Amino acid sequence: MSTYDQSALRAELTRDEGRRNRIYRDTVGKTSGGVGRNLDDVGLMDDEIDLMLTNDIARAERFLDGNLPWWRQLDDVRQRVLLNMAFNMGGRLLGFHMMLTAAKAGDYETAANEMANSNWAKQVGDRADRLEKMMRTGGV
């Protein structure tokens, strides 16, 4: 077990390194973030990636709750489709007016067709194909 004051060390490192919630280039040109984390050399650990993913999914849920509260009435698979799209596109998801109207009404065939016939589908390829199938069928 450590005998040093971890709280004091954290405060000292934060003072010395700074605390940034954005990626930046440090004084020697390394990609860094947080409290002096050298992302070029150290990268991210699996538990850190999992925490970021958990936080990003929660952010997508809050976005949907605030903008499309009806999404919670969909079945599990179609909820995941909207979460996946919100995770990927953020607010641009709201531009899918016809798809969202169809999904809300339970017209999953039309919703899937709208997804397939979008620029987004061309950009994300296999992801769109998979999500479109999930929207259409309610299965994976």
N, C-alpha and C. Protein backbone atom coordinates (compact mmCIF):
# COMPACT_ATOMS: atom_id res chain seq x y z
N MET A 1 0.83 -1.17 0.00
CA MET A 1 0.00 0.00 0.00
C MET A 1 0.89 1.25 0.00
N SER A 2 0.43 2.28 -0.68
CA SER A 2 1.19 3.52 -0.76
C SER A 2 1.18 4.26 0.57
N THR A 3 2.30 4.88 0.87
CA THR A 3 2.39 5.66 2.10
C THR A 3 2.32 7.16 1.83
N TYR A 4 2.38 7.55 0.57
CA TYR A 4 2.32 8.98 0.25
C TYR A 4 0.86 9.44 0.20
N ASP A 5 0.67 10.73 0.28
CA ASP A 5 -0.66 11.35 0.26
C ASP A 5 -1.13 11.45 -1.19
N GLN A 6 -1.97 10.50 -1.61
CA GLN A 6 -2.43 10.47 -3.00
C GLN A 6 -3.24 11.70 -3.35
N SER A 7 -4.03 12.20 -2.43
CA SER A 7 -4.83 13.39 -2.68
C SER A 7 -3.94 14.60 -2.95
N ALA A 8 -2.89 14.74 -2.17
CA ALA A 8 -1.95 15.86 -2.38
C ALA A 8 -1.25 15.71 -3.72
N LEU A 9 -0.84 14.48 -4.07
CA LEU A 9 -0.16 14.26 -5.34
C LEU A 9 -1.08 14.59 -6.51
N ARG A 10 -2.34 14.18 -6.42
CA ARG A 10 -3.29 14.49 -7.49
C ARG A 10 -3.43 16.00 -7.67
N ALA A 11 -3.52 16.73 -6.56
CA ALA A 11 -3.63 18.19 -6.63
C ALA A 11 -2.38 18.80 -7.22
N GLU A 12 -1.21 18.29 -6.84
CA GLU A 12 0.06 18.82 -7.36
C GLU A 12 0.19 18.55 -8.85
N LEU A 13 -0.13 17.33 -9.27
CA LEU A 13 -0.04 16.99 -10.70
C LEU A 13 -1.02 17.81 -11.52
N THR A 14 -2.22 18.01 -11.00
CA THR A 14 -3.21 18.82 -11.70
C THR A 14 -2.73 20.25 -11.84
N ARG A 15 -2.12 20.79 -10.77
CA ARG A 15 -1.57 22.15 -10.83
C ARG A 15 -0.44 22.22 -11.84
N ASP A 16 0.46 21.23 -11.83
CA ASP A 16 1.64 21.27 -12.68
C ASP A 16 1.34 20.95 -14.15
N GLU A 17 0.46 19.99 -14.37
CA GLU A 17 0.17 19.54 -15.74
C GLU A 17 -1.00 20.29 -16.36
N GLY A 18 -1.89 20.79 -15.51
CA GLY A 18 -3.13 21.36 -16.00
C GLY A 18 -4.16 20.25 -16.18
N ARG A 19 -5.39 20.64 -16.31
CA ARG A 19 -6.48 19.69 -16.50
C ARG A 19 -7.26 20.14 -17.72
N ARG A 20 -7.26 19.30 -18.74
CA ARG A 20 -7.93 19.68 -19.98
C ARG A 20 -8.92 18.61 -20.39
N ASN A 21 -10.11 19.05 -20.75
CA ASN A 21 -11.12 18.11 -21.19
C ASN A 21 -11.17 18.00 -22.71
N ARG A 22 -10.13 18.48 -23.35
CA ARG A 22 -9.99 18.37 -24.81
C ARG A 22 -8.59 17.84 -25.11
N ILE A 23 -8.45 17.24 -26.25
CA ILE A 23 -7.15 16.76 -26.71
C ILE A 23 -6.32 17.98 -27.14
N TYR A 24 -5.05 17.95 -26.85
CA TYR A 24 -4.16 19.07 -27.19
C TYR A 24 -2.77 18.53 -27.48
N ARG A 25 -1.92 19.37 -28.04
CA ARG A 25 -0.51 19.05 -28.24
C ARG A 25 0.27 19.64 -27.07
N ASP A 26 1.07 18.80 -26.42
CA ASP A 26 1.84 19.31 -25.28
C ASP A 26 3.07 20.07 -25.77
N THR A 27 3.93 20.46 -24.85
CA THR A 27 5.07 21.33 -25.19
C THR A 27 6.10 20.65 -26.08
N VAL A 28 6.07 19.31 -26.16
CA VAL A 28 7.00 18.61 -27.07
C VAL A 28 6.26 17.99 -28.25
N GLY A 29 5.00 18.40 -28.45
CA GLY A 29 4.26 17.97 -29.63
C GLY A 29 3.50 16.66 -29.49
N LYS A 30 3.44 16.10 -28.30
CA LYS A 30 2.71 14.85 -28.08
C LYS A 30 1.21 15.14 -27.94
N THR A 31 0.40 14.25 -28.47
CA THR A 31 -1.05 14.35 -28.29
C THR A 31 -1.35 13.99 -26.85
N SER A 32 -2.04 14.89 -26.15
CA SER A 32 -2.28 14.72 -24.73
C SER A 32 -3.71 15.09 -24.38
N GLY A 33 -4.12 14.76 -23.17
CA GLY A 33 -5.45 15.11 -22.68
C GLY A 33 -5.54 14.81 -21.21
N GLY A 34 -6.63 15.27 -20.59
CA GLY A 34 -6.82 15.04 -19.17
C GLY A 34 -5.80 15.79 -18.35
N VAL A 35 -5.13 15.10 -17.44
CA VAL A 35 -4.07 15.68 -16.62
C VAL A 35 -2.75 15.12 -17.14
N GLY A 36 -2.25 15.71 -18.21
CA GLY A 36 -0.95 15.34 -18.75
C GLY A 36 -0.85 13.95 -19.34
N ARG A 37 -1.95 13.31 -19.73
CA ARG A 37 -1.89 11.98 -20.32
C ARG A 37 -1.31 12.06 -21.72
N ASN A 38 -0.18 11.40 -21.91
CA ASN A 38 0.47 11.33 -23.21
C ASN A 38 -0.22 10.23 -24.01
N LEU A 39 -1.15 10.63 -24.86
CA LEU A 39 -1.93 9.66 -25.61
C LEU A 39 -1.12 8.99 -26.71
N ASP A 40 -0.13 9.68 -27.23
CA ASP A 40 0.72 9.07 -28.26
C ASP A 40 1.46 7.85 -27.72
N ASP A 41 2.02 7.96 -26.53
CA ASP A 41 2.84 6.89 -25.98
C ASP A 41 2.08 5.96 -25.02
N VAL A 42 1.14 6.50 -24.26
CA VAL A 42 0.44 5.71 -23.25
C VAL A 42 -0.90 5.20 -23.78
N GLY A 43 -1.59 6.01 -24.56
CA GLY A 43 -2.89 5.61 -25.09
C GLY A 43 -3.95 5.55 -24.00
N LEU A 44 -4.93 4.67 -24.20
CA LEU A 44 -6.02 4.49 -23.26
C LEU A 44 -6.08 3.03 -22.83
N MET A 45 -6.41 2.81 -21.57
CA MET A 45 -6.57 1.45 -21.06
C MET A 45 -8.02 1.00 -21.30
N ASP A 46 -8.24 -0.31 -21.31
CA ASP A 46 -9.57 -0.84 -21.59
C ASP A 46 -10.63 -0.28 -20.66
N ASP A 47 -10.32 -0.16 -19.36
CA ASP A 47 -11.34 0.35 -18.44
C ASP A 47 -11.65 1.82 -18.73
N GLU A 48 -10.68 2.57 -19.22
CA GLU A 48 -10.93 3.97 -19.59
C GLU A 48 -11.81 4.05 -20.84
N ILE A 49 -11.55 3.19 -21.79
CA ILE A 49 -12.37 3.13 -23.00
C ILE A 49 -13.80 2.74 -22.64
N ASP A 50 -13.95 1.75 -21.75
CA ASP A 50 -15.28 1.33 -21.32
C ASP A 50 -16.02 2.45 -20.60
N LEU A 51 -15.32 3.21 -19.77
CA LEU A 51 -15.95 4.33 -19.08
C LEU A 51 -16.39 5.40 -20.07
N MET A 52 -15.55 5.71 -21.04
CA MET A 52 -15.94 6.70 -22.06
C MET A 52 -17.16 6.22 -22.84
N LEU A 53 -17.18 4.92 -23.20
CA LEU A 53 -18.31 4.37 -23.93
C LEU A 53 -19.59 4.46 -23.09
N THR A 54 -19.50 4.11 -21.83
CA THR A 54 -20.66 4.21 -20.93
C THR A 54 -21.17 5.64 -20.88
N ASN A 55 -20.27 6.59 -20.74
CA ASN A 55 -20.66 8.00 -20.68
C ASN A 55 -21.26 8.47 -22.00
N ASP A 56 -20.70 8.02 -23.12
CA ASP A 56 -21.21 8.43 -24.43
C ASP A 56 -22.58 7.83 -24.72
N ILE A 57 -22.82 6.59 -24.29
CA ILE A 57 -24.15 5.99 -24.43
C ILE A 57 -25.16 6.77 -23.59
N ALA A 58 -24.78 7.12 -22.36
CA ALA A 58 -25.67 7.90 -21.50
C ALA A 58 -25.98 9.26 -22.13
N ARG A 59 -25.00 9.87 -22.77
CA ARG A 59 -25.22 11.15 -23.45
C ARG A 59 -26.22 10.97 -24.59
N ALA A 60 -26.09 9.89 -25.35
CA ALA A 60 -27.03 9.62 -26.45
C ALA A 60 -28.44 9.37 -25.90
N GLU A 61 -28.55 8.67 -24.77
CA GLU A 61 -29.85 8.46 -24.15
C GLU A 61 -30.49 9.79 -23.74
N ARG A 62 -29.70 10.66 -23.13
CA ARG A 62 -30.23 11.97 -22.71
C ARG A 62 -30.67 12.78 -23.92
N PHE A 63 -29.90 12.69 -25.01
CA PHE A 63 -30.28 13.39 -26.24
C PHE A 63 -31.63 12.89 -26.75
N LEU A 64 -31.79 11.57 -26.81
CA LEU A 64 -33.06 11.02 -27.29
C LEU A 64 -34.20 11.36 -26.34
N ASP A 65 -33.96 11.27 -25.04
CA ASP A 65 -35.00 11.61 -24.06
C ASP A 65 -35.46 13.06 -24.23
N GLY A 66 -34.52 13.95 -24.50
CA GLY A 66 -34.84 15.36 -24.63
C GLY A 66 -35.48 15.74 -25.95
N ASN A 67 -35.22 14.96 -27.00
CA ASN A 67 -35.69 15.33 -28.33
C ASN A 67 -36.73 14.39 -28.91
N LEU A 68 -36.67 13.13 -28.54
CA LEU A 68 -37.59 12.12 -29.08
C LEU A 68 -38.05 11.21 -27.93
N PRO A 69 -38.76 11.74 -26.96
CA PRO A 69 -39.08 10.95 -25.77
C PRO A 69 -39.85 9.66 -26.07
N TRP A 70 -40.50 9.59 -27.21
CA TRP A 70 -41.24 8.38 -27.59
C TRP A 70 -40.33 7.19 -27.87
N TRP A 71 -39.03 7.42 -28.04
CA TRP A 71 -38.13 6.33 -28.40
C TRP A 71 -38.14 5.22 -27.34
N ARG A 72 -38.45 5.58 -26.09
CA ARG A 72 -38.48 4.60 -25.00
C ARG A 72 -39.64 3.62 -25.14
N GLN A 73 -40.63 3.95 -25.98
CA GLN A 73 -41.78 3.06 -26.19
C GLN A 73 -41.49 1.99 -27.25
N LEU A 74 -40.38 2.13 -27.96
CA LEU A 74 -40.02 1.15 -28.98
C LEU A 74 -39.50 -0.13 -28.31
N ASP A 75 -39.47 -1.21 -29.07
CA ASP A 75 -38.89 -2.44 -28.55
C ASP A 75 -37.37 -2.27 -28.42
N ASP A 76 -36.76 -3.21 -27.73
CA ASP A 76 -35.33 -3.16 -27.43
C ASP A 76 -34.47 -2.97 -28.67
N VAL A 77 -34.74 -3.72 -29.72
CA VAL A 77 -33.89 -3.66 -30.92
C VAL A 77 -33.98 -2.29 -31.57
N ARG A 78 -35.17 -1.76 -31.69
CA ARG A 78 -35.33 -0.46 -32.36
C ARG A 78 -34.83 0.69 -31.48
N GLN A 79 -34.91 0.51 -30.17
CA GLN A 79 -34.28 1.50 -29.28
C GLN A 79 -32.77 1.52 -29.55
N ARG A 80 -32.18 0.35 -29.70
CA ARG A 80 -30.74 0.27 -29.96
C ARG A 80 -30.38 0.90 -31.29
N VAL A 81 -31.25 0.76 -32.29
CA VAL A 81 -31.00 1.41 -33.58
C VAL A 81 -30.91 2.92 -33.39
N LEU A 82 -31.90 3.50 -32.72
CA LEU A 82 -31.89 4.95 -32.52
C LEU A 82 -30.72 5.39 -31.65
N LEU A 83 -30.39 4.62 -30.63
CA LEU A 83 -29.23 4.95 -29.80
C LEU A 83 -27.95 4.90 -30.62
N ASN A 84 -27.81 3.89 -31.45
CA ASN A 84 -26.62 3.75 -32.29
C ASN A 84 -26.50 4.95 -33.23
N MET A 85 -27.62 5.33 -33.84
CA MET A 85 -27.59 6.47 -34.76
C MET A 85 -27.32 7.77 -34.01
N ALA A 86 -27.92 7.96 -32.83
CA ALA A 86 -27.67 9.17 -32.05
C ALA A 86 -26.22 9.23 -31.60
N PHE A 87 -25.67 8.09 -31.22
CA PHE A 87 -24.26 8.00 -30.83
C PHE A 87 -23.38 8.44 -32.00
N ASN A 88 -23.72 7.99 -33.19
CA ASN A 88 -22.93 8.26 -34.38
C ASN A 88 -23.11 9.69 -34.90
N MET A 89 -24.34 10.18 -34.91
CA MET A 89 -24.63 11.45 -35.58
C MET A 89 -24.96 12.60 -34.67
N GLY A 90 -25.27 12.32 -33.42
CA GLY A 90 -25.68 13.40 -32.54
C GLY A 90 -26.95 14.06 -33.07
N GLY A 91 -26.97 15.38 -33.05
CA GLY A 91 -28.14 16.15 -33.44
C GLY A 91 -28.54 16.01 -34.89
N ARG A 92 -27.64 15.55 -35.74
CA ARG A 92 -28.00 15.37 -37.15
C ARG A 92 -29.08 14.31 -37.32
N LEU A 93 -29.24 13.43 -36.32
CA LEU A 93 -30.31 12.43 -36.37
C LEU A 93 -31.66 13.10 -36.54
N LEU A 94 -31.85 14.26 -35.96
CA LEU A 94 -33.14 14.95 -36.04
C LEU A 94 -33.49 15.36 -37.46
N GLY A 95 -32.52 15.37 -38.36
CA GLY A 95 -32.77 15.67 -39.77
C GLY A 95 -33.45 14.53 -40.51
N PHE A 96 -33.56 13.36 -39.90
CA PHE A 96 -34.21 12.20 -40.51
C PHE A 96 -35.72 12.24 -40.22
N HIS A 97 -36.37 13.33 -40.64
CA HIS A 97 -37.77 13.57 -40.30
C HIS A 97 -38.68 12.41 -40.67
N MET A 98 -38.59 11.96 -41.92
CA MET A 98 -39.50 10.92 -42.38
C MET A 98 -39.22 9.58 -41.69
N MET A 99 -37.96 9.28 -41.47
CA MET A 99 -37.60 8.03 -40.79
C MET A 99 -38.11 8.06 -39.36
N LEU A 100 -37.91 9.17 -38.67
CA LEU A 100 -38.35 9.27 -37.28
C LEU A 100 -39.87 9.25 -37.16
N THR A 101 -40.55 9.92 -38.07
CA THR A 101 -42.02 9.91 -38.06
C THR A 101 -42.53 8.49 -38.28
N ALA A 102 -41.92 7.78 -39.21
CA ALA A 102 -42.33 6.40 -39.49
C ALA A 102 -42.04 5.49 -38.30
N ALA A 103 -40.87 5.62 -37.70
CA ALA A 103 -40.52 4.78 -36.55
C ALA A 103 -41.47 5.04 -35.39
N LYS A 104 -41.79 6.30 -35.15
CA LYS A 104 -42.72 6.64 -34.07
C LYS A 104 -44.08 6.01 -34.30
N ALA A 105 -44.52 5.94 -35.58
CA ALA A 105 -45.82 5.39 -35.93
C ALA A 105 -45.80 3.86 -36.03
N GLY A 106 -44.63 3.26 -35.88
CA GLY A 106 -44.54 1.80 -35.99
C GLY A 106 -44.44 1.31 -37.42
N ASP A 107 -44.21 2.23 -38.36
CA ASP A 107 -44.04 1.86 -39.77
C ASP A 107 -42.55 1.62 -40.02
N TYR A 108 -42.09 0.47 -39.59
CA TYR A 108 -40.65 0.18 -39.60
C TYR A 108 -40.12 -0.06 -41.01
N GLU A 109 -40.96 -0.50 -41.91
CA GLU A 109 -40.55 -0.68 -43.31
C GLU A 109 -40.15 0.66 -43.91
N THR A 110 -41.00 1.67 -43.74
CA THR A 110 -40.70 3.00 -44.26
C THR A 110 -39.48 3.59 -43.54
N ALA A 111 -39.42 3.41 -42.23
CA ALA A 111 -38.27 3.92 -41.48
C ALA A 111 -36.98 3.32 -42.02
N ALA A 112 -36.97 2.02 -42.24
CA ALA A 112 -35.77 1.35 -42.76
C ALA A 112 -35.44 1.85 -44.17
N ASN A 113 -36.45 2.04 -45.00
CA ASN A 113 -36.21 2.55 -46.36
C ASN A 113 -35.61 3.94 -46.31
N GLU A 114 -36.10 4.78 -45.41
CA GLU A 114 -35.55 6.14 -45.28
C GLU A 114 -34.09 6.09 -44.83
N MET A 115 -33.78 5.17 -43.94
CA MET A 115 -32.39 5.01 -43.50
C MET A 115 -31.52 4.60 -44.68
N ALA A 116 -32.00 3.63 -45.47
CA ALA A 116 -31.21 3.08 -46.58
C ALA A 116 -30.98 4.11 -47.67
N ASN A 117 -31.92 5.02 -47.85
CA ASN A 117 -31.83 6.00 -48.94
C ASN A 117 -31.28 7.33 -48.46
N SER A 118 -30.28 7.30 -47.61
CA SER A 118 -29.72 8.53 -47.06
C SER A 118 -28.22 8.62 -47.34
N ASN A 119 -27.71 9.82 -47.28
CA ASN A 119 -26.27 10.01 -47.40
C ASN A 119 -25.53 9.31 -46.26
N TRP A 120 -26.15 9.31 -45.08
CA TRP A 120 -25.56 8.63 -43.93
C TRP A 120 -25.28 7.17 -44.25
N ALA A 121 -26.25 6.49 -44.91
CA ALA A 121 -26.07 5.07 -45.25
C ALA A 121 -24.86 4.88 -46.15
N LYS A 122 -24.67 5.78 -47.09
CA LYS A 122 -23.50 5.69 -47.98
C LYS A 122 -22.21 5.89 -47.21
N GLN A 123 -22.26 6.75 -46.22
CA GLN A 123 -21.05 7.08 -45.44
C GLN A 123 -20.64 5.96 -44.50
N VAL A 124 -21.60 5.28 -43.89
CA VAL A 124 -21.26 4.30 -42.86
C VAL A 124 -21.36 2.85 -43.33
N GLY A 125 -21.83 2.64 -44.55
CA GLY A 125 -21.79 1.32 -45.18
C GLY A 125 -22.47 0.20 -44.41
N ASP A 126 -21.68 -0.79 -43.98
CA ASP A 126 -22.20 -1.99 -43.31
C ASP A 126 -23.00 -1.67 -42.06
N ARG A 127 -22.59 -0.63 -41.37
CA ARG A 127 -23.33 -0.22 -40.16
C ARG A 127 -24.76 0.11 -40.53
N ALA A 128 -24.94 0.90 -41.60
CA ALA A 128 -26.29 1.27 -42.03
C ALA A 128 -27.08 0.05 -42.46
N ASP A 129 -26.44 -0.86 -43.19
CA ASP A 129 -27.13 -2.08 -43.64
C ASP A 129 -27.65 -2.87 -42.44
N ARG A 130 -26.81 -3.02 -41.43
CA ARG A 130 -27.19 -3.78 -40.24
C ARG A 130 -28.31 -3.08 -39.47
N LEU A 131 -28.17 -1.76 -39.26
CA LEU A 131 -29.19 -1.03 -38.52
C LEU A 131 -30.51 -0.97 -39.28
N GLU A 132 -30.43 -0.83 -40.58
CA GLU A 132 -31.65 -0.83 -41.40
C GLU A 132 -32.38 -2.16 -41.25
N LYS A 133 -31.66 -3.27 -41.30
CA LYS A 133 -32.27 -4.59 -41.14
C LYS A 133 -32.91 -4.72 -39.75
N MET A 134 -32.21 -4.21 -38.74
CA MET A 134 -32.75 -4.26 -37.38
C MET A 134 -34.04 -3.45 -37.27
N MET A 135 -34.06 -2.26 -37.89
CA MET A 135 -35.26 -1.42 -37.87
C MET A 135 -36.39 -2.13 -38.61
N ARG A 136 -36.10 -2.72 -39.74
CA ARG A 136 -37.11 -3.36 -40.56
C ARG A 136 -37.74 -4.58 -39.87
N THR A 137 -36.90 -5.40 -39.26
CA THR A 137 -37.35 -6.71 -38.76
C THR A 137 -37.55 -6.77 -37.25
N GLY A 138 -36.91 -5.88 -36.51
CA GLY A 138 -36.95 -5.96 -35.06
C GLY A 138 -36.04 -7.05 -34.52
N GLY A 139 -35.21 -7.61 -35.39
CA GLY A 139 -34.25 -8.65 -34.99
C GLY A 139 -32.84 -8.22 -35.31
N VAL A 140 -31.90 -9.04 -34.95
CA VAL A 140 -30.48 -8.69 -35.19
C VAL A 140 -29.83 -9.51 -36.24
